Amino acid sequence: MIPAELEKLLEPLERFEAIRRRVARLGDRLCDLSYANPYEDTRRSAREALAEALGDERSLDLQYAPFGGQTLARRAVADALRESHGEDFAYQDVVLTPGAMAALQIALRAAVRPGEEVVIPTPCWLDIPLYARFAGLEPRLVPLPEPGFELAVDAIAEAIGERTAAVVLSQPANPSGRLYPPEALARLGEVLRTAQLRFRRPVALISDEVHRDFADHFTSPLRFHDRTVVIYSFGKYHFMQGQRLGYAAVSPQHPEREPFRRELERWTRVAGIATPTALMQKALPRLLELHHDDAWLPAWRERMVGELERAGYEVSHPDATLFVYARTPAAYEDDFAFMEDLARRGVLALPAPAFHHSGWFRLSLTASEEMLGRALPVLEEVAA
């Protein structure tokens, strides 16, 4: 049976999913702004990359892959990381996984031992604390200051103790959409190095970078801390989240580079995570070559923020990602009462409790023009 401590972490999203199931009968009349499912841009070139990979028939090309992934696919990722992150990645530093969820799980298990602590700035992605608990770890949640949700380095430093083994950071952040400046990341790196000396133990930085492609400029936290593991998902940028392709990549500067990357590989077997499908590994080099035109995103983001603020919402201005995070109207007793009211009117959004936070809600920017046109008047009406 699922332990009570995990049940508690599962409850907010399951409560939202119950709302979603009730209103699914609305069909095309439902304005779903909860998840980043694209309703207009289908990334035709990404679909073509999959078709080309499937059509390129070779002996055993759809059979088992070794733990960690096929060498050619891993080498393609390492080459791309050398260019984007400025570090000398080798293919062995990259462990392919079926999406970022799996990559995060093996990174936590490789970096932290059961009973140790993981510091997690919040609001954060849904299941980071859940995965930490499942691995036998103690999540220490650090609330970031509202309404800007800047990186509170001093608060993170205060949360790090003698049992802290890792910090998990999303850059850019989900749900707030904040992109932390290099100065803040440099200060965080100094905090982690100081903690290692003070407590005489390693402290890893797990850098969740799944939305980095939607940032105009991006600085990886890997630049500022040697013990960094980068988490990435191809699904976000290529709008194929359901195809489950991602990786965990060890910094080439990691002091235990060789044993750590081997540990990641071994955890894919122990955890039963295995590798992405053979087809996705074949398509991976092609996907790395694609560059999509996302010029629509800043304008869409600005429009959403402007419409919400005119309706009276307080909004955390996002720098990147596919999301906008806004404060729940004060007239509602809690976030779920607001979600229920929105759903009755045909609009879905994700409430802050799903992100280990309260008093806010997240909207996705991937809705269609028509869908957004119907959702905004509803949001304005309930705010009034």
Protein backbone atom coordinates (compact mmCIF):
# COMPACT_ATOMS: atom_id res chain seq x y z
CA MET A 1 0.00 0.00 0.00
CA ILE A 2 1.05 3.59 -0.59
CA PRO A 3 2.36 5.06 2.71
CA ALA A 4 0.40 7.89 4.34
CA GLU A 5 3.25 10.37 3.80
CA LEU A 6 3.01 9.77 0.04
CA GLU A 7 -0.79 9.85 0.07
CA LYS A 8 -0.61 13.37 1.47
CA LEU A 9 1.61 14.50 -1.40
CA LEU A 10 -0.60 12.80 -3.99
CA GLU A 11 -3.82 14.39 -2.73
CA PRO A 12 -3.76 17.91 -4.29
CA LEU A 13 -3.25 16.78 -7.87
CA GLU A 14 -5.67 13.88 -7.50
CA ARG A 15 -8.26 16.33 -6.18
CA PHE A 16 -7.72 18.48 -9.27
CA GLU A 17 -7.97 15.44 -11.56
CA ALA A 18 -11.35 14.64 -10.02
CA ILE A 19 -12.50 18.12 -11.07
CA ARG A 20 -11.07 17.57 -14.55
CA ARG A 21 -12.95 14.28 -14.99
CA ARG A 22 -16.24 15.90 -14.01
CA VAL A 23 -15.95 18.62 -16.65
CA ALA A 24 -14.39 16.50 -19.41
CA ARG A 25 -17.95 15.94 -20.73
CA LEU A 26 -17.85 19.53 -22.00
CA GLY A 27 -15.56 18.34 -24.80
CA ASP A 28 -14.57 21.15 -27.16
CA ARG A 29 -16.40 23.67 -24.97
CA LEU A 30 -13.83 23.15 -22.20
CA CYS A 31 -11.04 25.74 -22.00
CA ASP A 32 -8.15 23.68 -20.61
CA LEU A 33 -5.39 25.99 -19.36
CA SER A 34 -4.06 23.55 -16.77
CA TYR A 35 -1.32 21.63 -18.60
CA ALA A 36 1.01 22.67 -21.43
CA ASN A 37 -0.80 20.61 -24.05
CA PRO A 38 -0.54 22.51 -27.37
CA TYR A 39 -3.81 23.03 -29.23
CA GLU A 40 -2.49 24.80 -32.32
CA ASP A 41 1.26 24.37 -32.87
CA THR A 42 1.85 20.65 -33.45
CA ARG A 43 5.56 20.99 -34.30
CA ARG A 44 5.24 19.35 -37.72
CA SER A 45 9.02 19.07 -38.06
CA ALA A 46 9.20 17.05 -34.84
CA ARG A 47 6.58 14.64 -36.16
CA GLU A 48 8.58 14.31 -39.36
CA ALA A 49 11.71 13.49 -37.36
CA LEU A 50 9.85 10.57 -35.76
CA ALA A 51 8.59 9.39 -39.13
CA GLU A 52 12.09 9.53 -40.62
CA ALA A 53 13.51 7.58 -37.69
CA LEU A 54 10.86 4.90 -38.10
CA GLY A 55 11.44 4.71 -41.84
CA ASP A 56 15.20 4.31 -41.46
CA GLU A 57 15.18 0.53 -41.04
CA ARG A 58 18.27 -1.23 -39.74
CA SER A 59 18.89 -4.59 -38.13
CA LEU A 60 17.86 -4.66 -34.43
CA ASP A 61 17.08 -0.94 -34.50
CA LEU A 62 13.87 -1.36 -32.47
CA GLN A 63 15.25 -3.88 -29.99
CA TYR A 64 16.65 -3.55 -26.46
CA ALA A 65 19.02 -0.68 -25.69
CA PRO A 66 21.74 -0.86 -23.01
CA PHE A 67 21.07 0.80 -19.65
CA GLY A 68 21.90 4.46 -20.07
CA GLY A 69 20.88 4.46 -23.73
CA GLN A 70 22.39 3.91 -27.15
CA THR A 71 25.88 5.33 -27.56
CA LEU A 72 25.06 7.32 -30.71
CA ALA A 73 22.10 9.03 -29.03
CA ARG A 74 24.07 9.78 -25.86
CA ARG A 75 26.94 11.17 -27.93
CA ALA A 76 24.55 13.48 -29.77
CA VAL A 77 23.32 14.88 -26.45
CA ALA A 78 26.88 15.30 -25.15
CA ASP A 79 27.83 17.21 -28.31
CA ALA A 80 24.82 19.51 -27.89
CA LEU A 81 25.60 20.10 -24.21
CA ARG A 82 29.21 21.02 -24.99
CA GLU A 83 27.89 23.74 -27.26
CA SER A 84 25.08 25.01 -25.00
CA HIS A 85 26.74 24.69 -21.58
CA GLY A 86 30.39 25.23 -22.46
CA GLU A 87 31.62 22.09 -20.68
CA ASP A 88 33.48 19.08 -22.09
CA PHE A 89 30.70 16.49 -21.83
CA ALA A 90 31.40 12.91 -22.88
CA TYR A 91 28.67 10.51 -23.89
CA GLN A 92 29.13 8.55 -20.64
CA ASP A 93 28.04 11.68 -18.71
CA VAL A 94 24.58 11.40 -20.27
CA VAL A 95 22.04 8.81 -19.12
CA LEU A 96 18.94 8.66 -21.30
CA THR A 97 15.59 8.22 -19.58
CA PRO A 98 11.89 8.03 -20.49
CA GLY A 99 11.35 11.70 -19.72
CA ALA A 100 12.48 14.16 -17.05
CA MET A 101 10.40 12.45 -14.36
CA ALA A 102 12.59 9.36 -14.59
CA ALA A 103 15.76 11.45 -14.83
CA LEU A 104 14.84 13.29 -11.63
CA GLN A 105 14.20 10.01 -9.82
CA ILE A 106 17.59 8.51 -10.65
CA ALA A 107 19.39 11.80 -9.91
CA LEU A 108 17.86 11.90 -6.42
CA ARG A 109 18.76 8.29 -5.74
CA ALA A 110 22.33 8.68 -6.98
CA ALA A 111 23.01 11.93 -5.12
CA VAL A 112 21.23 11.30 -1.80
CA ARG A 113 21.04 8.37 0.60
CA PRO A 114 17.85 7.41 2.48
CA GLY A 115 17.44 9.50 5.60
CA GLU A 116 19.23 12.52 4.18
CA GLU A 117 17.62 15.86 3.30
CA VAL A 118 16.82 17.58 0.03
CA VAL A 119 16.23 21.35 -0.07
CA ILE A 120 13.49 22.37 -2.53
CA PRO A 121 12.51 26.01 -3.21
CA THR A 122 8.73 26.34 -3.55
CA PRO A 123 6.45 26.69 -5.37
CA CYS A 124 7.99 23.84 -7.32
CA TRP A 125 7.06 21.28 -9.94
CA LEU A 126 4.36 18.87 -8.74
CA ASP A 127 6.25 15.72 -7.83
CA ILE A 128 9.74 16.73 -6.70
CA PRO A 129 8.84 16.30 -2.99
CA LEU A 130 6.93 13.11 -3.84
CA TYR A 131 9.96 11.54 -5.50
CA ALA A 132 12.16 12.62 -2.60
CA ARG A 133 9.84 10.95 -0.09
CA PHE A 134 9.58 7.83 -2.23
CA ALA A 135 13.38 7.57 -2.19
CA GLY A 136 13.37 7.71 1.62
CA LEU A 137 14.56 11.32 1.75
CA GLU A 138 13.40 14.27 3.81
CA PRO A 139 12.26 17.23 1.66
CA ARG A 140 12.88 20.65 3.20
CA LEU A 141 10.65 23.14 1.41
CA VAL A 142 11.88 26.74 1.21
CA PRO A 143 9.09 29.23 0.31
CA LEU A 144 10.22 31.89 -2.16
CA PRO A 145 9.05 35.48 -1.56
CA GLU A 146 5.76 36.59 -3.14
CA PRO A 147 4.85 38.03 -5.56
CA GLY A 148 8.14 37.92 -7.50
CA PHE A 149 9.36 34.47 -6.39
CA GLU A 150 13.00 35.52 -6.73
CA LEU A 151 15.66 33.01 -5.76
CA ALA A 152 15.96 33.42 -1.98
CA VAL A 153 19.58 32.34 -1.61
CA ASP A 154 19.79 33.33 2.06
CA ALA A 155 16.71 31.24 2.90
CA ILE A 156 18.17 28.27 1.02
CA ALA A 157 21.44 28.68 2.92
CA GLU A 158 19.55 28.69 6.21
CA ALA A 159 17.69 25.50 5.26
CA ILE A 160 20.89 23.57 4.52
CA GLY A 161 21.96 21.49 7.49
CA GLU A 162 24.30 18.67 8.41
CA ARG A 163 22.01 16.10 6.75
CA THR A 164 21.46 18.05 3.51
CA ALA A 165 22.75 16.15 0.49
CA ALA A 166 21.13 18.03 -2.42
CA VAL A 167 19.25 21.10 -3.60
CA VAL A 168 16.73 20.72 -6.44
CA LEU A 169 16.29 23.87 -8.51
CA SER A 170 14.19 24.54 -11.62
CA GLN A 171 15.77 27.06 -13.99
CA PRO A 172 13.60 28.57 -15.39
CA ALA A 173 11.11 27.94 -12.61
CA ASN A 174 7.80 26.12 -12.87
CA PRO A 175 5.13 27.37 -12.05
CA SER A 176 6.31 30.97 -11.61
CA GLY A 177 8.19 31.22 -14.92
CA ARG A 178 11.05 33.12 -13.25
CA LEU A 179 14.50 32.97 -14.82
CA TYR A 180 17.12 33.43 -12.12
CA PRO A 181 19.98 35.82 -13.00
CA PRO A 182 23.59 34.58 -13.09
CA GLU A 183 24.40 36.64 -9.99
CA ALA A 184 21.84 34.75 -7.90
CA LEU A 185 23.01 31.39 -9.28
CA ALA A 186 26.62 32.33 -8.48
CA ARG A 187 25.62 33.14 -4.90
CA LEU A 188 23.82 29.79 -4.66
CA GLY A 189 26.97 28.02 -5.86
CA GLU A 190 28.99 29.76 -3.17
CA VAL A 191 26.41 28.76 -0.54
CA LEU A 192 26.69 25.11 -1.60
CA ARG A 193 30.49 25.14 -1.50
CA THR A 194 30.45 26.80 1.92
CA ALA A 195 28.01 24.16 3.20
CA GLN A 196 30.27 21.38 1.94
CA LEU A 197 33.19 22.78 3.89
CA ARG A 198 31.12 23.50 6.98
CA PHE A 199 29.43 20.11 7.20
CA ARG A 200 32.26 18.14 5.58
CA ARG A 201 30.00 16.37 3.15
CA PRO A 202 29.06 16.73 -0.56
CA VAL A 203 25.97 18.71 -1.51
CA ALA A 204 24.64 18.09 -5.03
CA LEU A 205 22.69 20.53 -7.18
CA ILE A 206 20.00 18.92 -9.32
CA SER A 207 19.23 21.42 -12.07
CA ASP A 208 15.81 20.92 -13.67
CA GLU A 209 16.19 22.63 -17.06
CA VAL A 210 13.21 21.24 -18.94
CA HIS A 211 11.95 24.72 -19.93
CA ARG A 212 15.30 26.28 -20.84
CA ASP A 213 14.46 26.35 -24.58
CA PHE A 214 11.68 28.87 -23.93
CA ALA A 215 14.08 31.45 -22.43
CA ASP A 216 15.56 34.25 -24.53
CA HIS A 217 18.80 33.87 -22.59
CA PHE A 218 19.67 30.98 -20.33
CA THR A 219 22.37 30.39 -17.73
CA SER A 220 22.68 26.90 -16.32
CA PRO A 221 23.33 26.55 -12.58
CA LEU A 222 25.93 23.98 -13.66
CA ARG A 223 28.33 26.91 -14.27
CA PHE A 224 28.49 27.65 -10.56
CA HIS A 225 28.66 24.26 -8.84
CA ASP A 226 30.72 21.22 -9.82
CA ARG A 227 28.42 18.64 -8.25
CA THR A 228 25.56 19.39 -10.65
CA VAL A 229 23.25 16.99 -12.47
CA VAL A 230 21.26 18.48 -15.36
CA ILE A 231 17.70 17.21 -15.94
CA TYR A 232 16.10 17.69 -19.34
CA SER A 233 13.04 16.63 -21.33
CA PHE A 234 12.69 16.76 -25.11
CA GLY A 235 8.91 16.66 -24.79
CA LYS A 236 8.48 20.27 -23.68
CA TYR A 237 10.26 22.05 -26.53
CA HIS A 238 9.05 19.70 -29.26
CA PHE A 239 5.47 19.50 -27.89
CA MET A 240 5.56 15.71 -27.60
CA GLN A 241 5.40 15.27 -23.83
CA GLY A 242 3.73 11.89 -24.15
CA GLN A 243 6.70 10.39 -26.02
CA ARG A 244 8.85 10.39 -22.87
CA LEU A 245 12.41 11.25 -23.86
CA GLY A 246 14.86 12.93 -21.50
CA TYR A 247 18.16 12.59 -19.71
CA ALA A 248 20.22 13.18 -16.61
CA ALA A 249 23.69 14.59 -17.37
CA VAL A 250 26.58 14.78 -14.90
CA SER A 251 28.80 17.86 -14.91
CA PRO A 252 32.22 17.07 -16.38
CA GLN A 253 33.64 18.98 -13.38
CA HIS A 254 32.00 16.64 -10.86
CA PRO A 255 34.67 15.46 -8.38
CA GLU A 256 33.32 11.89 -8.58
CA ARG A 257 32.43 12.09 -12.25
CA GLU A 258 33.18 8.49 -13.23
CA PRO A 259 31.50 6.66 -10.29
CA PHE A 260 28.55 9.05 -10.26
CA ARG A 261 27.64 8.61 -13.91
CA ARG A 262 27.98 4.86 -13.46
CA GLU A 263 25.68 5.12 -10.44
CA LEU A 264 23.03 6.86 -12.57
CA GLU A 265 23.20 4.05 -15.12
CA ARG A 266 22.81 1.39 -12.45
CA TRP A 267 19.82 3.16 -10.89
CA THR A 268 17.94 2.94 -14.19
CA ARG A 269 18.05 -0.82 -13.76
CA VAL A 270 17.39 -0.92 -10.00
CA ALA A 271 14.41 1.43 -10.27
CA GLY A 272 13.04 -0.34 -13.34
CA ILE A 273 13.17 2.91 -15.31
CA ALA A 274 15.15 1.40 -18.21
CA THR A 275 15.61 3.65 -21.27
CA PRO A 276 13.44 5.58 -23.74
CA THR A 277 11.93 3.54 -26.55
CA ALA A 278 14.30 2.55 -29.33
CA LEU A 279 12.36 4.76 -31.74
CA MET A 280 12.82 7.87 -29.60
CA GLN A 281 16.54 7.17 -29.27
CA LYS A 282 16.78 6.88 -33.05
CA ALA A 283 14.94 10.18 -33.46
CA LEU A 284 16.99 12.00 -30.82
CA PRO A 285 19.83 13.29 -33.09
CA ARG A 286 17.22 14.63 -35.51
CA LEU A 287 15.33 16.36 -32.70
CA LEU A 288 18.52 18.07 -31.52
CA GLU A 289 18.87 19.67 -34.96
CA LEU A 290 15.41 21.26 -34.88
CA HIS A 291 14.84 24.90 -33.93
CA HIS A 292 11.21 26.01 -33.68
CA ASP A 293 9.92 29.53 -34.18
CA ASP A 294 8.53 30.52 -30.79
CA ALA A 295 8.22 34.22 -31.53
CA TRP A 296 4.55 33.93 -30.54
CA LEU A 297 5.37 33.06 -26.94
CA PRO A 298 6.52 36.45 -25.49
CA ALA A 299 3.52 38.20 -27.05
CA TRP A 300 1.14 35.51 -25.81
CA ARG A 301 2.69 35.76 -22.34
CA GLU A 302 2.41 39.56 -22.31
CA ARG A 303 -1.19 39.38 -23.44
CA MET A 304 -2.15 36.92 -20.70
CA VAL A 305 -0.42 38.96 -17.99
CA GLY A 306 -2.01 42.17 -19.23
CA GLU A 307 -5.53 40.72 -19.43
CA LEU A 308 -5.25 39.23 -15.94
CA GLU A 309 -3.96 42.45 -14.40
CA ARG A 310 -6.71 44.49 -16.04
CA ALA A 311 -9.20 42.06 -14.53
CA GLY A 312 -7.73 42.73 -11.08
CA TYR A 313 -5.41 39.75 -10.61
CA GLU A 314 -1.98 40.00 -9.04
CA VAL A 315 0.46 38.24 -11.38
CA SER A 316 4.04 37.07 -10.97
CA HIS A 317 5.58 38.34 -14.19
CA PRO A 318 7.18 35.33 -15.91
CA ASP A 319 10.48 35.53 -17.79
CA ALA A 320 10.19 32.17 -19.54
CA THR A 321 8.32 28.81 -19.64
CA LEU A 322 4.81 28.21 -20.96
CA PHE A 323 3.01 29.39 -17.81
CA VAL A 324 1.61 32.39 -15.96
CA TYR A 325 1.17 32.28 -12.17
CA ALA A 326 -1.47 34.51 -10.57
CA ARG A 327 -2.95 35.06 -7.12
CA THR A 328 -6.33 33.49 -6.31
CA PRO A 329 -9.06 36.14 -5.82
CA ALA A 330 -9.54 36.97 -2.14
CA ALA A 331 -13.28 36.28 -2.32
CA TYR A 332 -12.66 32.52 -2.42
CA GLU A 333 -12.13 30.56 0.78
CA ASP A 334 -9.34 28.49 -0.79
CA ASP A 335 -7.72 27.62 -4.10
CA PHE A 336 -9.92 24.61 -4.75
CA ALA A 337 -13.12 26.61 -4.27
CA PHE A 338 -11.81 28.90 -7.01
CA MET A 339 -10.92 25.91 -9.22
CA GLU A 340 -14.41 24.47 -8.77
CA ASP A 341 -16.01 27.77 -9.76
CA LEU A 342 -13.81 28.09 -12.84
CA ALA A 343 -14.52 24.50 -13.85
CA ARG A 344 -18.28 25.02 -13.58
CA ARG A 345 -17.83 27.85 -16.06
CA GLY A 346 -15.78 25.69 -18.43
CA VAL A 347 -12.20 26.73 -17.55
CA LEU A 348 -9.45 24.56 -16.05
CA ALA A 349 -6.37 25.87 -14.23
CA LEU A 350 -3.93 24.24 -11.81
CA PRO A 351 -4.18 25.35 -8.16
CA ALA A 352 -1.15 26.26 -6.06
CA PRO A 353 -1.46 23.27 -3.67
CA ALA A 354 -0.34 21.08 -6.59
CA PHE A 355 2.93 23.07 -6.43
CA HIS A 356 3.26 22.85 -2.61
CA HIS A 357 2.07 26.41 -2.26
CA SER A 358 -1.23 28.21 -1.62
CA GLY A 359 -3.15 31.30 -2.68
CA TRP A 360 -2.19 31.15 -6.37
CA PHE A 361 -3.01 29.30 -9.59
CA ARG A 362 -1.20 28.47 -12.85
CA LEU A 363 -2.41 29.00 -16.41
CA SER A 364 -0.82 27.42 -19.48
CA LEU A 365 -0.08 29.51 -22.58
CA THR A 366 -0.57 26.67 -25.05
CA ALA A 367 -4.33 27.07 -25.45
CA SER A 368 -5.75 27.98 -28.85
CA GLU A 369 -6.71 31.56 -29.70
CA GLU A 370 -10.39 30.60 -29.62
CA MET A 371 -10.02 28.82 -26.28
CA LEU A 372 -8.23 31.75 -24.69
CA GLY A 373 -10.87 34.09 -26.05
CA ARG A 374 -13.52 32.17 -24.14
CA ALA A 375 -11.44 31.69 -20.95
CA LEU A 376 -10.39 35.30 -20.33
CA PRO A 377 -13.94 36.69 -19.89
CA VAL A 378 -14.62 33.88 -17.38
CA LEU A 379 -11.48 34.76 -15.42
CA GLU A 380 -12.51 38.41 -15.46
CA GLU A 381 -16.03 37.55 -14.31
CA VAL A 382 -14.96 35.46 -11.32
CA ALA A 383 -12.39 38.08 -10.30
CA ALA A 384 -15.19 40.63 -10.10
